[in-house]
Amino acid sequence: MLTTTVDIPTSDGVADASLTRPDGEGPFPAVLLFMDAFGPRPRLVEMAERIVARGYLVLTPHLFYRAGRAPLFDLSRLGEADQRGALFEKIMPLVGALTPEVISRDTGAFLDFLAARDDVRPGPVAITGYCMGGTNALRAIEAHPDRIAAIASFHGGRIVTEAPDSPHRGVASITGELYFGHADADQSMTPEQIATLEEALDAAGVRYRSEVYTGAHHGYTMADTPAYDEQATERHWAALFDLLNRTLPVS
């Protein structure tokens, strides 16, 4: 497989992204990998490569591209829990800038980029998202239901809020399938918020699975952080590939 950096024109500039593809000409079904708040780094490439090994082409866009090309932050001490506070002070304004309208526009640009490639199979794509990327994956399928077959959200936070534009309020537009792998005891997605999300999905008739990973902390898939949980991560891979096999099969 091969990983390269690509530039994607958007209505707000140019988004840098990592493109990982299998050997051969394809065309391959495409998966978007939506980053967590720490942004593009080797761990996300490792995760993309595991998906590519199944026969998919994976695009991992830098969602904070408006602030500059990746890397925006020094992540050399990401594994040290006491360094996270200072890092989040820099990150949170960028997270907050990703409004529903911004995510809709950017996702449209990413989908157009993929659709224009000869090595991408025509038709819908899937998205797997982590932390804020899981929340934004839900925003994306709400905005582009005809172009996204399925999304998976792992340890997604703030999917349910009191805001009028809370992600859970937009699920009625979804025609594809959803999977949620919630972290246990996650203050950004409490049991009460999970129940509210499921009620909204049920009311809208959306096909979904929503599971709590007992004992796993927010960020459990990220092997370069203290939150990493190997058992939960392997469970996440099984759930993701089950979803992809059913909604976006390779052949």
Protein backbone atom coordinates (compact mmCIF):
# COMPACT_ATOMS: atom_id res chain seq x y z
CA MET A 1 0.00 0.00 0.00
CA LEU A 2 1.00 3.62 -0.46
CA THR A 3 0.37 6.77 1.64
CA THR A 4 0.78 10.23 0.13
CA THR A 5 -0.17 13.78 1.06
CA VAL A 6 -2.80 15.36 -1.18
CA ASP A 7 -4.37 18.81 -1.37
CA ILE A 8 -8.14 19.17 -1.63
CA PRO A 9 -9.70 22.44 -2.87
CA THR A 10 -12.52 23.67 -0.64
CA SER A 11 -14.69 26.78 -0.55
CA ASP A 12 -12.45 28.09 2.25
CA GLY A 13 -9.02 27.23 0.87
CA VAL A 14 -7.04 24.03 0.48
CA ALA A 15 -7.26 21.09 2.88
CA ASP A 16 -4.19 18.92 3.25
CA ALA A 17 -4.97 15.24 3.66
CA SER A 18 -3.39 11.82 3.83
CA LEU A 19 -4.39 9.35 1.12
CA THR A 20 -3.69 5.66 1.71
CA ARG A 21 -4.50 3.20 -1.05
CA PRO A 22 -3.92 -0.45 -1.86
CA ASP A 23 -1.53 -1.55 -4.57
CA GLY A 24 -3.13 -1.91 -7.98
CA GLU A 25 -5.33 0.23 -10.14
CA GLY A 26 -8.67 -0.32 -8.43
CA PRO A 27 -11.23 1.11 -8.40
CA PHE A 28 -11.55 0.73 -4.63
CA PRO A 29 -14.44 1.61 -2.32
CA ALA A 30 -13.53 4.72 -0.35
CA VAL A 31 -13.55 5.43 3.37
CA LEU A 32 -13.10 8.83 4.98
CA LEU A 33 -11.26 8.76 8.31
CA PHE A 34 -12.20 11.77 10.44
CA MET A 35 -9.47 12.64 12.91
CA ASP A 36 -9.67 13.22 16.64
CA ALA A 37 -8.79 16.63 18.06
CA PHE A 38 -5.03 15.96 18.08
CA GLY A 39 -5.02 15.89 14.29
CA PRO A 40 -3.04 14.06 11.61
CA ARG A 41 -0.12 11.99 12.91
CA PRO A 42 1.41 8.52 12.51
CA ARG A 43 -1.28 6.81 14.60
CA LEU A 44 -3.97 7.84 12.12
CA VAL A 45 -1.87 6.54 9.24
CA GLU A 46 -1.56 3.20 11.06
CA MET A 47 -5.33 3.07 11.41
CA ALA A 48 -5.84 3.96 7.75
CA GLU A 49 -3.43 1.21 6.74
CA ARG A 50 -5.42 -1.39 8.66
CA ILE A 51 -8.55 -0.39 6.72
CA VAL A 52 -6.65 -0.35 3.42
CA ALA A 53 -5.48 -3.90 4.10
CA ARG A 54 -9.14 -4.89 3.68
CA GLY A 55 -9.24 -3.43 0.17
CA TYR A 56 -10.41 0.13 0.78
CA LEU A 57 -8.90 3.47 -0.22
CA VAL A 58 -8.78 5.80 2.81
CA LEU A 59 -8.70 9.59 2.83
CA THR A 60 -7.79 11.24 6.15
CA PRO A 61 -8.41 14.99 5.81
CA HIS A 62 -6.91 17.60 8.11
CA LEU A 63 -10.10 19.12 9.49
CA PHE A 64 -8.21 22.08 11.02
CA TYR A 65 -6.69 23.10 7.68
CA ARG A 66 -7.96 26.67 8.01
CA ALA A 67 -5.39 27.19 10.79
CA GLY A 68 -2.53 25.87 8.65
CA ARG A 69 -1.12 22.63 7.35
CA ALA A 70 -0.50 19.71 9.69
CA PRO A 71 1.09 19.37 12.13
CA LEU A 72 -0.28 22.40 13.98
CA PHE A 73 0.88 21.20 17.40
CA ASP A 74 3.89 19.59 19.00
CA LEU A 75 2.59 16.12 19.81
CA SER A 76 5.90 14.68 20.97
CA ARG A 77 4.62 14.48 24.56
CA LEU A 78 1.08 13.42 23.74
CA GLY A 79 1.51 10.28 25.80
CA GLU A 80 2.03 12.33 28.98
CA ALA A 81 -1.30 12.98 30.68
CA ASP A 82 -0.10 16.18 32.38
CA GLN A 83 0.62 17.82 29.02
CA ARG A 84 -2.92 17.48 27.68
CA GLY A 85 -4.40 20.54 29.40
CA ALA A 86 -2.11 23.03 27.70
CA LEU A 87 -2.61 21.30 24.38
CA PHE A 88 -6.38 21.43 24.66
CA GLU A 89 -6.27 25.19 25.29
CA LYS A 90 -4.92 25.53 21.76
CA ILE A 91 -7.17 22.90 20.23
CA MET A 92 -10.63 23.74 21.57
CA PRO A 93 -11.12 26.97 19.58
CA LEU A 94 -10.43 24.97 16.41
CA VAL A 95 -12.91 22.28 17.45
CA GLY A 96 -15.54 24.94 18.10
CA ALA A 97 -15.00 26.44 14.65
CA LEU A 98 -16.19 23.23 12.99
CA THR A 99 -19.84 24.22 12.79
CA PRO A 100 -22.45 22.08 11.03
CA GLU A 101 -22.22 24.35 7.99
CA VAL A 102 -18.42 24.04 7.87
CA ILE A 103 -18.55 20.25 8.16
CA SER A 104 -21.18 20.07 5.43
CA ARG A 105 -19.10 22.19 3.03
CA ASP A 106 -15.86 20.38 3.78
CA THR A 107 -17.41 16.94 3.47
CA GLY A 108 -18.82 17.91 0.09
CA ALA A 109 -15.32 18.88 -1.04
CA PHE A 110 -13.85 15.59 0.24
CA LEU A 111 -16.55 13.59 -1.53
CA ASP A 112 -16.01 15.51 -4.76
CA PHE A 113 -12.27 14.86 -4.53
CA LEU A 114 -12.84 11.13 -4.15
CA ALA A 115 -15.46 11.00 -6.91
CA ALA A 116 -13.04 12.57 -9.37
CA ARG A 117 -10.39 9.86 -8.86
CA ASP A 118 -10.11 6.94 -11.28
CA ASP A 119 -9.02 4.62 -8.47
CA VAL A 120 -12.18 5.24 -6.41
CA ARG A 121 -15.26 3.13 -7.07
CA PRO A 122 -18.29 5.23 -8.02
CA GLY A 123 -21.05 5.51 -5.47
CA PRO A 124 -21.39 6.20 -1.76
CA VAL A 125 -18.51 6.12 0.70
CA ALA A 126 -18.28 5.35 4.42
CA ILE A 127 -16.81 7.39 7.27
CA THR A 128 -15.12 6.27 10.46
CA GLY A 129 -14.59 9.03 13.01
CA TYR A 130 -12.88 9.32 16.38
CA CYS A 131 -13.68 11.67 19.28
CA MET A 132 -14.72 14.92 17.58
CA GLY A 133 -14.35 13.06 14.27
CA GLY A 134 -17.14 10.71 15.29
CA THR A 135 -19.42 13.65 16.00
CA ASN A 136 -18.48 15.25 12.69
CA ALA A 137 -19.09 11.97 10.86
CA LEU A 138 -22.67 12.12 12.08
CA ARG A 139 -22.90 15.73 10.88
CA ALA A 140 -21.55 14.63 7.51
CA ILE A 141 -24.08 11.87 6.86
CA GLU A 142 -26.89 14.18 7.95
CA ALA A 143 -25.75 16.73 5.37
CA HIS A 144 -25.00 14.24 2.55
CA PRO A 145 -27.30 11.24 3.11
CA ASP A 146 -27.27 10.19 -0.54
CA ARG A 147 -23.48 10.10 -0.76
CA ILE A 148 -22.58 8.30 2.46
CA ALA A 149 -23.61 4.68 2.97
CA ALA A 150 -22.59 4.38 6.61
CA ILE A 151 -20.68 6.04 9.42
CA ALA A 152 -19.02 4.72 12.55
CA SER A 153 -18.44 6.97 15.54
CA PHE A 154 -15.98 5.82 18.20
CA HIS A 155 -15.77 7.64 21.53
CA GLY A 156 -17.58 10.56 19.93
CA GLY A 157 -18.27 13.45 22.28
CA ARG A 158 -21.01 16.08 22.52
CA ILE A 159 -23.30 14.27 20.09
CA VAL A 160 -26.16 15.35 22.35
CA THR A 161 -26.25 18.93 23.63
CA GLU A 162 -28.89 21.51 24.50
CA ALA A 163 -28.08 23.52 21.37
CA PRO A 164 -30.72 23.83 18.64
CA ASP A 165 -28.21 22.37 16.16
CA SER A 166 -27.09 19.47 18.37
CA PRO A 167 -26.02 16.57 16.12
CA HIS A 168 -28.73 14.25 17.45
CA ARG A 169 -31.44 16.64 16.25
CA GLY A 170 -30.54 16.16 12.57
CA VAL A 171 -30.79 12.40 12.24
CA ALA A 172 -34.12 12.35 10.36
CA SER A 173 -32.32 12.97 7.05
CA ILE A 174 -30.16 9.82 7.34
CA THR A 175 -30.79 6.91 4.98
CA GLY A 176 -27.59 4.95 5.65
CA GLU A 177 -26.50 2.90 8.66
CA LEU A 178 -24.79 4.11 11.83
CA TYR A 179 -22.60 2.53 14.49
CA PHE A 180 -21.67 4.11 17.82
CA GLY A 181 -18.96 2.69 20.07
CA HIS A 182 -19.28 4.83 23.20
CA ALA A 183 -16.59 5.07 25.85
CA ASP A 184 -17.66 4.06 29.35
CA ALA A 185 -17.92 6.87 31.92
CA ASP A 186 -17.35 9.50 29.22
CA GLN A 187 -18.28 12.96 30.47
CA SER A 188 -18.69 14.17 26.88
CA MET A 189 -21.28 11.44 26.21
CA THR A 190 -23.05 10.37 29.40
CA PRO A 191 -25.51 7.48 29.75
CA GLU A 192 -28.34 10.01 29.70
CA GLN A 193 -27.03 11.55 26.47
CA ILE A 194 -26.63 8.11 24.90
CA ALA A 195 -30.27 7.36 25.74
CA THR A 196 -31.35 10.65 24.17
CA LEU A 197 -29.41 9.85 21.00
CA GLU A 198 -30.96 6.40 20.75
CA GLU A 199 -34.45 7.83 21.28
CA ALA A 200 -33.88 10.28 18.42
CA LEU A 201 -32.60 7.52 16.13
CA ASP A 202 -35.52 5.25 16.99
CA ALA A 203 -38.02 8.04 16.35
CA ALA A 204 -36.45 8.72 12.95
CA GLY A 205 -36.34 5.04 11.98
CA VAL A 206 -32.58 5.09 11.42
CA ARG A 207 -30.70 1.78 11.22
CA TYR A 208 -28.02 1.79 13.91
CA ARG A 209 -26.14 -0.02 16.65
CA SER A 210 -25.15 1.81 19.80
CA GLU A 211 -22.82 0.07 22.25
CA VAL A 212 -20.97 1.09 25.39
CA TYR A 213 -17.43 -0.24 25.73
CA THR A 214 -17.31 -1.07 29.41
CA GLY A 215 -14.16 0.12 31.13
CA ALA A 216 -12.87 2.04 28.09
CA HIS A 217 -12.02 5.71 28.41
CA HIS A 218 -12.65 8.53 25.96
CA GLY A 219 -9.99 8.16 23.26
CA TYR A 220 -9.60 4.41 23.73
CA THR A 221 -8.48 3.74 20.13
CA MET A 222 -5.52 6.10 20.19
CA ALA A 223 -2.38 4.09 20.93
CA ASP A 224 -0.27 7.24 21.31
CA THR A 225 -2.29 8.54 24.28
CA PRO A 226 -2.80 7.37 27.89
CA ALA A 227 -6.45 6.54 27.06
CA TYR A 228 -5.51 3.62 24.81
CA ASP A 229 -7.29 0.35 25.51
CA GLU A 230 -6.13 -2.57 23.36
CA GLN A 231 -9.17 -4.77 24.02
CA ALA A 232 -11.60 -1.95 23.24
CA THR A 233 -9.63 -1.04 20.13
CA GLU A 234 -9.82 -4.58 18.78
CA ARG A 235 -13.55 -4.57 19.47
CA HIS A 236 -13.77 -1.33 17.51
CA TRP A 237 -12.03 -2.93 14.52
CA ALA A 238 -14.45 -5.86 14.56
CA ALA A 239 -17.43 -3.50 14.67
CA LEU A 240 -16.06 -1.25 11.93
CA PHE A 241 -15.29 -4.08 9.53
CA ASP A 242 -18.68 -5.66 10.20
CA LEU A 243 -20.30 -2.35 9.22
CA LEU A 244 -18.14 -1.92 6.11
CA ASN A 245 -18.66 -5.52 4.99
CA ARG A 246 -22.42 -5.02 5.03
CA THR A 247 -22.78 -1.46 3.76
CA LEU A 248 -19.73 -0.98 1.52
CA PRO A 249 -18.43 -4.42 0.54
CA VAL A 250 -15.17 -4.60 -1.38
CA SER A 251 -16.65 -6.96 -3.97
